[in-house]
Protein backbone atom coordinates (compact mmCIF):
# COMPACT_ATOMS: atom_id res chain seq x y z
CA MET A 1 64.11 -115.70 -29.39
CA ASN A 2 65.24 -112.59 -27.73
CA ASN A 3 64.21 -111.59 -24.25
CA GLN A 4 61.36 -109.27 -25.32
CA GLN A 5 59.63 -112.02 -27.30
CA LYS A 6 59.96 -114.44 -24.35
CA ILE A 7 58.21 -111.96 -22.06
CA ILE A 8 55.28 -111.51 -24.46
CA VAL A 9 54.77 -115.28 -24.85
CA ALA A 10 54.82 -115.74 -21.06
CA ALA A 11 52.21 -113.00 -20.55
CA ILE A 12 49.85 -114.53 -23.10
CA ALA A 13 50.18 -117.93 -21.46
CA ALA A 14 49.40 -116.48 -18.02
CA ILE A 15 46.31 -114.70 -19.26
CA THR A 16 45.01 -117.85 -20.93
CA ILE A 17 45.47 -119.93 -17.74
CA ALA A 18 43.71 -117.27 -15.63
CA ALA A 19 40.71 -117.08 -17.99
CA GLY A 20 40.28 -120.83 -18.01
CA THR A 21 40.38 -121.00 -14.22
CA ALA A 22 37.67 -118.29 -13.93
CA VAL A 23 35.37 -120.08 -16.34
CA TRP A 24 35.71 -123.34 -14.43
CA VAL A 25 35.04 -121.73 -11.00
CA PHE A 26 32.00 -119.60 -11.90
CA GLY A 27 30.45 -122.16 -14.22
CA GLY A 28 30.56 -124.82 -11.54
CA SER A 29 28.99 -122.55 -8.94
CA SER A 30 26.07 -121.69 -11.23
CA SER A 31 25.42 -125.32 -12.01
CA THR A 32 25.50 -126.17 -8.32
CA ALA A 33 23.08 -123.35 -7.47
CA ALA A 34 20.68 -124.39 -10.23
CA SER A 35 20.79 -127.98 -9.04
CA HIS A 36 20.13 -126.87 -5.49
CA SER A 37 17.16 -124.71 -6.56
CA GLU A 38 15.73 -127.58 -8.57
CA ALA A 39 16.08 -129.88 -5.61
CA GLU A 40 14.36 -127.41 -3.30
CA GLY A 41 11.52 -126.96 -5.76
CA HIS A 42 11.12 -130.70 -5.98
CA ASP A 43 11.03 -131.00 -2.18
CA ASP A 44 8.41 -128.23 -1.91
CA LYS A 45 6.31 -129.89 -4.56
CA GLU A 46 6.44 -133.20 -2.75
CA HIS A 47 5.61 -131.44 0.49
CA HIS A 48 2.46 -129.84 -0.99
CA ASN A 49 1.35 -133.05 -2.62
CA GLU A 50 1.59 -134.94 0.64
CA ALA A 51 -0.80 -132.60 2.60
CA PRO A 52 -3.36 -131.01 0.26
CA ALA A 53 -6.32 -131.40 2.66
CA LYS A 54 -5.07 -129.08 5.35
CA PRO A 55 -5.18 -125.84 3.29
CA GLU A 56 -8.61 -126.85 1.88
CA ALA A 57 -9.92 -127.46 5.34
CA GLY A 58 -8.62 -124.07 6.41
CA LYS A 59 -10.23 -122.47 3.37
CA GLU A 60 -13.58 -124.07 4.16
CA GLY A 61 -13.29 -122.95 7.76
CA ASN A 62 -12.52 -119.41 6.70
CA ALA A 63 -15.45 -119.43 4.29
CA GLN A 64 -17.74 -120.68 7.04
CA ALA A 65 -16.52 -117.97 9.40
CA ALA A 66 -17.00 -115.37 6.72
CA ALA A 67 -20.52 -116.66 6.11
CA ASP A 68 -21.23 -116.51 9.84
CA ASP A 69 -19.94 -112.94 10.00
CA LYS A 70 -21.99 -112.01 6.97
CA GLY A 71 -25.08 -113.52 8.53
CA LYS A 72 -24.49 -111.56 11.69
CA ALA A 73 -23.92 -108.39 9.72
CA GLY A 74 -27.07 -109.05 7.70
CA GLY A 75 -29.04 -109.60 10.86
CA ASP A 76 -27.78 -106.35 12.35
CA GLY A 77 -28.57 -104.45 9.16
CA HIS A 78 -32.10 -105.83 9.19
CA GLY A 79 -32.52 -104.75 12.76
CA ASP A 80 -31.42 -101.19 11.92
CA HIS A 81 -33.86 -101.06 9.04
CA GLY A 82 -36.68 -102.11 11.30
CA GLU A 83 -35.82 -99.36 13.75
CA GLU A 84 -35.86 -96.78 10.96
CA ALA A 85 -39.25 -98.01 9.79
CA GLU A 86 -40.62 -97.63 13.30
CA GLU A 87 -39.21 -94.12 13.62
CA GLU A 88 -40.99 -93.08 10.43
CA ALA A 89 -44.34 -93.60 12.16
CA VAL A 90 -45.60 -90.67 14.24
CA LYS A 91 -46.98 -92.16 17.43
CA LEU A 92 -49.75 -90.21 19.18
CA THR A 93 -52.16 -91.28 21.88
CA GLU A 94 -55.90 -90.83 21.45
CA GLU A 95 -55.76 -87.93 23.89
CA GLN A 96 -52.97 -86.24 21.92
CA ILE A 97 -54.94 -86.67 18.69
CA LYS A 98 -57.97 -85.11 20.33
CA LEU A 99 -56.02 -82.19 21.79
CA SER A 100 -54.32 -81.56 18.43
CA ARG A 101 -57.74 -81.62 16.73
CA ILE A 102 -56.51 -84.03 14.10
CA LYS A 103 -59.43 -85.45 12.15
CA VAL A 104 -59.30 -88.83 10.44
CA GLU A 105 -61.39 -89.87 7.44
CA LYS A 106 -61.56 -92.91 5.18
CA ALA A 107 -60.30 -92.75 1.62
CA GLN A 108 -63.16 -93.60 -0.70
CA ALA A 109 -64.67 -92.97 -4.09
CA GLY A 110 -66.12 -89.56 -4.81
CA THR A 111 -66.72 -86.83 -7.33
CA VAL A 112 -64.30 -84.18 -8.57
CA MET A 113 -65.24 -81.12 -10.56
CA SER A 114 -63.18 -80.69 -13.70
CA GLY A 115 -62.91 -77.84 -16.15
CA ALA A 116 -60.59 -75.55 -18.07
CA GLU A 117 -57.38 -74.05 -16.72
CA PHE A 118 -56.22 -70.47 -17.32
CA GLN A 119 -53.36 -68.26 -16.24
CA GLY A 120 -54.32 -65.29 -14.07
CA GLU A 121 -52.96 -62.57 -11.85
CA ALA A 122 -53.99 -61.06 -8.53
CA LYS A 123 -54.82 -57.36 -8.75
CA PHE A 124 -56.09 -54.58 -6.51
CA ASP A 125 -59.83 -54.39 -6.03
CA ALA A 126 -60.47 -51.27 -8.10
CA ASP A 127 -63.68 -50.61 -6.17
CA ARG A 128 -61.65 -50.36 -2.95
CA THR A 129 -58.52 -48.60 -4.25
CA ALA A 130 -58.21 -44.81 -4.16
CA GLN A 131 -55.67 -42.21 -5.25
CA VAL A 132 -55.52 -39.63 -2.50
CA VAL A 133 -54.96 -36.01 -3.61
CA PRO A 134 -54.74 -32.97 -1.32
CA ARG A 135 -57.38 -30.96 -3.27
CA VAL A 136 -55.58 -27.75 -2.27
CA ALA A 137 -52.10 -26.63 -3.20
CA GLY A 138 -49.57 -26.10 -0.42
CA VAL A 139 -46.36 -27.09 1.32
CA VAL A 140 -46.00 -30.38 3.21
CA GLU A 141 -45.52 -29.70 6.91
CA LEU A 142 -45.95 -33.22 8.33
CA VAL A 143 -46.06 -36.79 6.99
CA LYS A 144 -47.58 -39.32 9.38
CA ALA A 145 -48.27 -42.34 7.12
CA ASP A 146 -45.62 -44.60 5.63
CA LEU A 147 -45.58 -47.10 2.78
CA GLY A 148 -47.21 -50.42 3.73
CA GLN A 149 -48.91 -48.97 6.82
CA ARG A 150 -52.46 -50.01 7.63
CA VAL A 151 -54.77 -47.07 8.24
CA LYS A 152 -58.35 -46.55 9.38
CA LYS A 153 -60.93 -44.28 7.82
CA GLY A 154 -60.31 -40.69 8.95
CA ASP A 155 -56.68 -41.23 10.06
CA VAL A 156 -54.43 -38.24 9.31
CA LEU A 157 -51.93 -39.17 6.59
CA ALA A 158 -50.19 -35.81 6.13
CA VAL A 159 -50.55 -32.10 6.89
CA ILE A 160 -49.96 -29.28 4.43
CA SER A 161 -50.02 -25.49 4.76
CA SER A 162 -52.25 -23.96 2.08
CA PRO A 163 -52.72 -20.22 1.36
CA ASP A 164 -55.81 -21.06 -0.69
CA LEU A 165 -57.37 -22.84 2.25
CA SER A 166 -56.57 -19.90 4.50
CA GLY A 167 -58.43 -17.57 2.13
CA GLN A 168 -61.48 -19.83 2.00
CA ARG A 169 -61.64 -20.13 5.78
CA ALA A 170 -61.36 -16.37 6.10
CA ALA A 171 -64.21 -15.98 3.60
CA LEU A 172 -66.36 -18.32 5.68
CA LEU A 173 -65.65 -16.40 8.88
CA ALA A 174 -66.57 -13.14 7.14
CA ALA A 175 -69.77 -14.67 5.77
CA ARG A 176 -70.76 -15.81 9.25
CA GLU A 177 -70.20 -12.34 10.65
CA ARG A 178 -72.29 -10.75 7.88
CA ALA A 179 -75.03 -13.30 8.41
CA SER A 180 -75.03 -12.60 12.14
CA ALA A 181 -75.27 -8.84 11.56
CA ALA A 182 -78.01 -9.27 8.95
CA ARG A 183 -79.96 -11.47 11.34
CA ALA A 184 -79.81 -8.82 14.08
CA THR A 185 -80.90 -6.08 11.63
CA TYR A 186 -83.76 -8.24 10.41
CA GLN A 187 -85.01 -8.86 13.97
CA ARG A 188 -84.89 -5.17 14.75
CA GLU A 189 -86.68 -4.09 11.56
CA LYS A 190 -89.29 -6.75 12.06
CA SER A 191 -90.00 -5.54 15.60
CA LEU A 192 -90.24 -1.90 14.48
CA TRP A 193 -92.54 -2.78 11.60
CA GLU A 194 -94.81 -4.79 13.88
CA GLN A 195 -94.97 -1.77 16.23
CA LYS A 196 -95.85 0.47 13.26
CA ILE A 197 -92.72 2.51 13.89
CA SER A 198 -90.84 1.81 10.63
CA ALA A 199 -92.02 1.23 7.11
CA GLN A 200 -92.61 -2.26 5.73
CA GLN A 201 -90.04 -1.59 3.01
CA ASP A 202 -87.25 -1.39 5.62
CA TYR A 203 -88.39 -4.72 7.03
CA LEU A 204 -88.40 -6.38 3.60
CA ILE A 205 -84.94 -5.05 2.73
CA ALA A 206 -83.54 -6.40 6.03
CA GLN A 207 -85.14 -9.79 5.29
CA GLN A 208 -83.55 -9.96 1.84
CA GLN A 209 -80.12 -9.03 3.19
CA LEU A 210 -80.37 -11.77 5.82
CA ARG A 211 -81.23 -14.39 3.22
CA GLU A 212 -78.32 -13.33 1.00
CA ALA A 213 -75.91 -13.46 3.96
CA GLU A 214 -77.09 -16.95 4.89
CA ILE A 215 -76.68 -18.14 1.28
CA GLU A 216 -73.15 -16.75 1.22
CA GLN A 217 -72.34 -18.51 4.50
CA ARG A 218 -73.65 -21.86 3.29
CA ASN A 219 -71.68 -21.50 0.07
CA ALA A 220 -68.44 -20.91 1.98
CA GLU A 221 -69.16 -23.92 4.21
CA GLN A 222 -69.87 -26.18 1.22
CA ARG A 223 -66.61 -25.18 -0.47
CA LEU A 224 -64.62 -26.19 2.60
CA SER A 225 -66.63 -29.39 3.00
CA ALA A 226 -65.86 -30.36 -0.61
CA LEU A 227 -62.15 -30.00 0.17
CA GLY A 228 -62.50 -32.18 3.26
CA ALA A 229 -61.35 -29.29 5.46
CA SER A 230 -62.89 -28.29 8.74
CA ALA A 231 -64.88 -25.07 8.77
CA THR A 232 -63.21 -23.79 11.93
CA ALA A 233 -59.69 -22.48 12.31
CA THR A 234 -57.21 -24.67 14.18
CA ALA A 235 -54.70 -23.64 16.83
CA ASP A 236 -52.04 -23.60 14.08
CA GLY A 237 -53.99 -21.07 11.99
CA LEU A 238 -56.27 -20.95 8.98
CA SER A 239 -53.92 -22.60 6.47
CA ARG A 240 -53.49 -26.04 8.08
CA PHE A 241 -55.01 -28.83 5.99
CA GLU A 242 -55.08 -32.47 7.08
CA ILE A 243 -55.09 -35.21 4.41
CA ARG A 244 -57.14 -38.11 5.79
CA ALA A 245 -57.71 -41.73 4.77
CA PRO A 246 -61.00 -42.17 2.87
CA PHE A 247 -61.50 -45.78 4.12
CA ASP A 248 -59.73 -48.62 5.92
CA GLY A 249 -56.83 -49.93 3.90
CA THR A 250 -53.09 -50.14 3.31
CA ILE A 251 -50.76 -47.48 1.91
CA VAL A 252 -49.49 -49.05 -1.32
CA GLU A 253 -47.97 -45.89 -2.84
CA LYS A 254 -46.53 -42.73 -1.33
CA SER A 255 -45.41 -39.70 -3.37
CA LEU A 256 -44.65 -36.81 -1.04
CA ALA A 257 -41.95 -35.70 1.38
CA LEU A 258 -41.57 -33.13 4.12
CA GLY A 259 -41.17 -29.59 2.77
CA GLU A 260 -42.31 -30.50 -0.72
CA THR A 261 -44.73 -28.26 -2.61
CA VAL A 262 -47.70 -30.20 -3.94
CA ALA A 263 -50.38 -29.26 -6.42
CA SER A 264 -54.06 -29.58 -5.65
CA ASP A 265 -54.42 -32.59 -7.98
CA ALA A 266 -51.12 -34.33 -7.18
CA LYS A 267 -51.36 -38.04 -6.31
CA VAL A 268 -49.73 -38.18 -2.87
CA PHE A 269 -50.99 -41.57 -1.63
CA VAL A 270 -52.64 -44.70 -3.02
CA ILE A 271 -54.71 -46.65 -0.51
CA SER A 272 -56.15 -50.09 -1.17
CA ASP A 273 -58.33 -52.36 0.91
CA LEU A 274 -56.48 -55.67 0.61
CA SER A 275 -59.12 -57.66 2.46
CA LYS A 276 -60.39 -58.45 -1.04
CA VAL A 277 -58.50 -58.82 -4.32
CA TRP A 278 -59.44 -59.33 -7.93
CA VAL A 279 -58.18 -62.39 -9.78
CA GLU A 280 -58.15 -61.54 -13.46
CA PHE A 281 -57.56 -64.21 -16.08
CA TYR A 282 -57.74 -64.24 -19.85
CA VAL A 283 -60.02 -66.59 -21.77
CA PRO A 284 -59.31 -67.50 -25.41
CA ALA A 285 -62.22 -67.31 -27.82
CA LYS A 286 -62.48 -71.11 -28.06
CA ASP A 287 -63.06 -71.40 -24.29
CA ILE A 288 -65.55 -68.56 -23.82
CA GLU A 289 -68.47 -70.97 -23.49
CA LYS A 290 -66.74 -72.75 -20.59
CA VAL A 291 -66.51 -69.58 -18.49
CA GLN A 292 -69.82 -68.11 -17.36
CA VAL A 293 -70.72 -65.62 -14.65
CA GLY A 294 -71.52 -67.61 -11.51
CA ALA A 295 -69.25 -70.54 -12.37
CA THR A 296 -67.17 -72.02 -9.55
CA ALA A 297 -63.41 -71.75 -9.91
CA SER A 298 -60.42 -72.93 -7.89
CA VAL A 299 -57.42 -70.61 -7.66
CA LYS A 300 -53.89 -71.73 -6.85
CA ALA A 301 -50.79 -69.61 -6.49
CA THR A 302 -47.78 -70.58 -8.58
CA GLY A 303 -45.35 -72.58 -6.43
CA SER A 304 -47.84 -73.01 -3.57
CA ASP A 305 -50.14 -75.81 -2.42
CA GLN A 306 -52.81 -73.41 -1.17
CA VAL A 307 -56.05 -73.62 -3.17
CA VAL A 308 -59.00 -71.24 -2.72
CA THR A 309 -62.44 -71.52 -4.27
CA GLY A 310 -64.27 -68.51 -5.71
CA THR A 311 -67.00 -67.51 -8.13
CA VAL A 312 -66.62 -65.84 -11.52
CA ASN A 313 -68.41 -62.48 -11.27
CA TYR A 314 -67.39 -60.85 -14.55
CA VAL A 315 -66.67 -61.98 -18.10
CA GLY A 316 -65.75 -59.34 -20.65
CA SER A 317 -67.94 -58.92 -23.71
CA LEU A 318 -65.07 -57.88 -25.98
CA LEU A 319 -61.91 -59.66 -27.11
CA GLY A 320 -58.55 -57.91 -26.97
CA ALA A 321 -57.40 -56.57 -30.31
CA THR A 322 -53.97 -58.19 -30.02
CA THR A 323 -54.47 -61.06 -27.56
CA ARG A 324 -57.87 -62.18 -28.88
CA THR A 325 -58.87 -63.07 -25.34
CA ALA A 326 -61.64 -61.90 -23.01
CA THR A 327 -60.95 -60.73 -19.48
CA ALA A 328 -62.71 -62.60 -16.68
CA ARG A 329 -62.62 -61.83 -12.98
CA ILE A 330 -63.07 -63.45 -9.60
CA THR A 331 -63.39 -61.37 -6.43
CA MET A 332 -61.76 -63.22 -3.54
CA THR A 333 -61.47 -62.56 0.16
CA ASN A 334 -57.92 -62.07 1.35
CA PRO A 335 -58.03 -62.05 5.16
CA ALA A 336 -54.40 -63.11 5.69
CA GLY A 337 -53.02 -60.94 2.91
CA ALA A 338 -51.52 -63.97 1.15
CA TRP A 339 -52.90 -63.04 -2.26
CA ARG A 340 -50.71 -60.08 -3.09
CA PRO A 341 -51.40 -58.02 -6.20
CA GLY A 342 -49.02 -59.05 -8.96
CA LEU A 343 -48.97 -62.72 -7.90
CA PHE A 344 -49.35 -65.14 -10.82
CA LEU A 345 -52.13 -67.65 -10.34
CA ALA A 346 -53.54 -70.79 -11.94
CA VAL A 347 -57.32 -70.62 -12.34
CA ASN A 348 -59.37 -73.76 -12.90
CA VAL A 349 -62.94 -72.94 -13.90
CA LEU A 350 -65.05 -75.97 -12.97
CA SER A 351 -67.65 -76.93 -15.53
CA GLU A 352 -68.41 -80.66 -15.12
CA ARG A 353 -68.51 -83.25 -12.34
CA SER A 354 -66.63 -86.55 -12.67
CA GLN A 355 -66.90 -89.74 -10.59
CA VAL A 356 -63.47 -91.12 -9.60
CA PRO A 357 -62.48 -94.31 -7.72
CA LEU A 358 -60.56 -92.59 -4.93
CA VAL A 359 -60.49 -89.03 -3.58
CA ILE A 360 -59.00 -87.32 -0.53
CA ARG A 361 -59.51 -83.92 1.01
CA ASN A 362 -57.06 -81.24 -0.04
CA ASP A 363 -56.25 -80.27 3.54
CA ALA A 364 -54.80 -83.77 4.04
CA LEU A 365 -52.04 -83.20 1.50
CA GLN A 366 -48.58 -82.41 2.86
CA SER A 367 -45.23 -82.11 1.10
CA VAL A 368 -42.75 -84.62 2.58
CA GLU A 369 -39.30 -84.57 0.97
CA ASP A 370 -40.82 -82.53 -1.88
CA LYS A 371 -43.36 -85.26 -2.64
CA PRO A 372 -47.16 -85.06 -2.15
CA SER A 373 -48.02 -87.27 0.80
CA VAL A 374 -50.82 -88.10 3.20
CA PHE A 375 -50.54 -89.44 6.75
CA VAL A 376 -52.16 -92.87 6.92
CA ARG A 377 -53.17 -94.27 10.30
CA THR A 378 -51.67 -97.68 11.11
CA PRO A 379 -51.34 -99.74 14.32
CA GLU A 380 -47.85 -98.22 14.75
CA GLY A 381 -49.11 -94.64 14.32
CA PHE A 382 -49.41 -92.20 11.42
CA LYS A 383 -47.11 -92.91 8.48
CA ALA A 384 -46.40 -90.56 5.59
CA GLN A 385 -47.52 -92.18 2.35
CA VAL A 386 -46.45 -90.77 -1.02
CA VAL A 387 -49.37 -90.50 -3.44
CA LYS A 388 -49.77 -89.76 -7.12
CA LEU A 389 -52.47 -87.16 -7.69
CA GLY A 390 -54.92 -86.50 -10.50
CA ARG A 391 -57.62 -83.87 -10.90
CA SER A 392 -58.50 -81.41 -8.16
CA ASP A 393 -61.37 -78.98 -7.64
CA GLY A 394 -59.95 -77.12 -4.67
CA THR A 395 -61.74 -79.27 -2.07
CA TYR A 396 -61.08 -82.85 -3.17
CA THR A 397 -58.24 -84.36 -5.19
CA GLU A 398 -58.19 -87.59 -7.15
CA VAL A 399 -55.62 -90.20 -6.04
CA LEU A 400 -54.17 -92.29 -8.87
CA SER A 401 -51.83 -94.47 -6.79
CA GLY A 402 -50.19 -94.79 -3.38
CA LEU A 403 -53.38 -95.16 -1.32
CA THR A 404 -56.05 -97.83 -1.05
CA ALA A 405 -59.77 -97.36 -0.58
CA GLY A 406 -60.86 -97.63 3.03
CA ALA A 407 -57.54 -96.43 4.46
CA ASP A 408 -57.78 -94.03 7.39
CA TYR A 409 -55.90 -90.78 6.75
CA ALA A 410 -55.48 -87.51 8.63
CA THR A 411 -57.29 -84.47 7.20
CA GLU A 412 -57.53 -81.36 9.37
CA ASN A 413 -54.34 -80.26 11.17
CA SER A 414 -52.27 -82.92 9.40
CA PHE A 415 -49.45 -80.38 9.34
CA ILE A 416 -48.90 -81.23 13.02
CA LEU A 417 -47.95 -84.77 11.99
CA LYS A 418 -45.53 -83.39 9.43
CA ALA A 419 -43.88 -81.28 12.13
CA GLU A 420 -43.60 -84.29 14.46
CA LEU A 421 -42.11 -86.37 11.65
CA GLY A 422 -39.51 -83.70 11.06
CA LYS A 423 -38.56 -83.73 14.75
CA GLY A 424 -38.17 -87.50 14.73
CA SER A 425 -35.96 -87.41 11.63
CA ALA A 426 -33.72 -84.78 13.20
CA GLU A 427 -33.29 -86.81 16.40
CA HIS A 428 -32.53 -89.98 14.40
CA GLY A 429 -29.93 -88.09 12.39
CA HIS A 430 -28.09 -87.20 15.60
């Protein structure tokens, strides 16, 4: 072999020896490591098998501690719940109840009037609503009344300057002067005739002229009185005309402004006496027999708990051509102004009386958390009790559930208890 071949053979031999050495070294290390790991695992296993009770004992101890903690937590939670229950009761002394004028009654069986329900609407009392017109044409010089203002009979609403009124006042003044002159002439002619100085014809002519002058004066006065204007001239002249309120009421419409020219028949104000309102509702033909004049009805505003009792005073004799319903009406007092014209109402015309197991007064009902509730008296105080309601006639309401017969509950001024409950809830929240 030449030198080049010898070198190649030597290189191959070296590589082979190196590869064998590497395999022996790394293979042995891996086997040793695996054996060591297996030995350690075996030792750990023997260690755990020798003392199994200690971890179990620790586990039972931890479970017991957890149970103790849970019991303590449960006890604390129960205590908090008890405090909340006590705070829900409104506590008042007998003296406080007396001063607040809270009345307490027993829940018991009773009677409730039932009937048919209709949809209605509050409207102006047409008998106490007037469209005010100036009755003379002119220019607005002053506006004293405003929309929504309450006025008394005779109050000045506006002032206008009217040429027509000026002419009528001037005619009255002239008629008075003529009547005064005719009266003087009549007295003179009468005296001369009685003294036989003048002829009777002169006396009779003077008498006729006096009567004509007096008739003309009365006519001029009546024309001004029909307009509602004073017969005497004011400091501002003959043309000043004051528009006055015809009765006590509220300005519900206003249609004039300063400087505006108004006609004699223009509607400048609408005044209505809102101390009374009409409740009109519409009765289908099938229910006409249930609604009679004189029947008692309860009226409730939509979205309100307020119920008012009234009497049906009108039932229409004709049915509407398109609605096929008859119009019925209830006239109701409205001292607080709560029944505003245009308000939609639910009308329950009461026609029969029913005996029910449990009733409460309507003034006892309060809304607590948007639920109908009554305040029941307990040894701890007054507690709000949610009730399920049935029929109502405006004075009494049937209770279907939530209250037992014989329970003492607050009636009059129960809203005071609701206010106190709200205060207590707010303080507890803080």
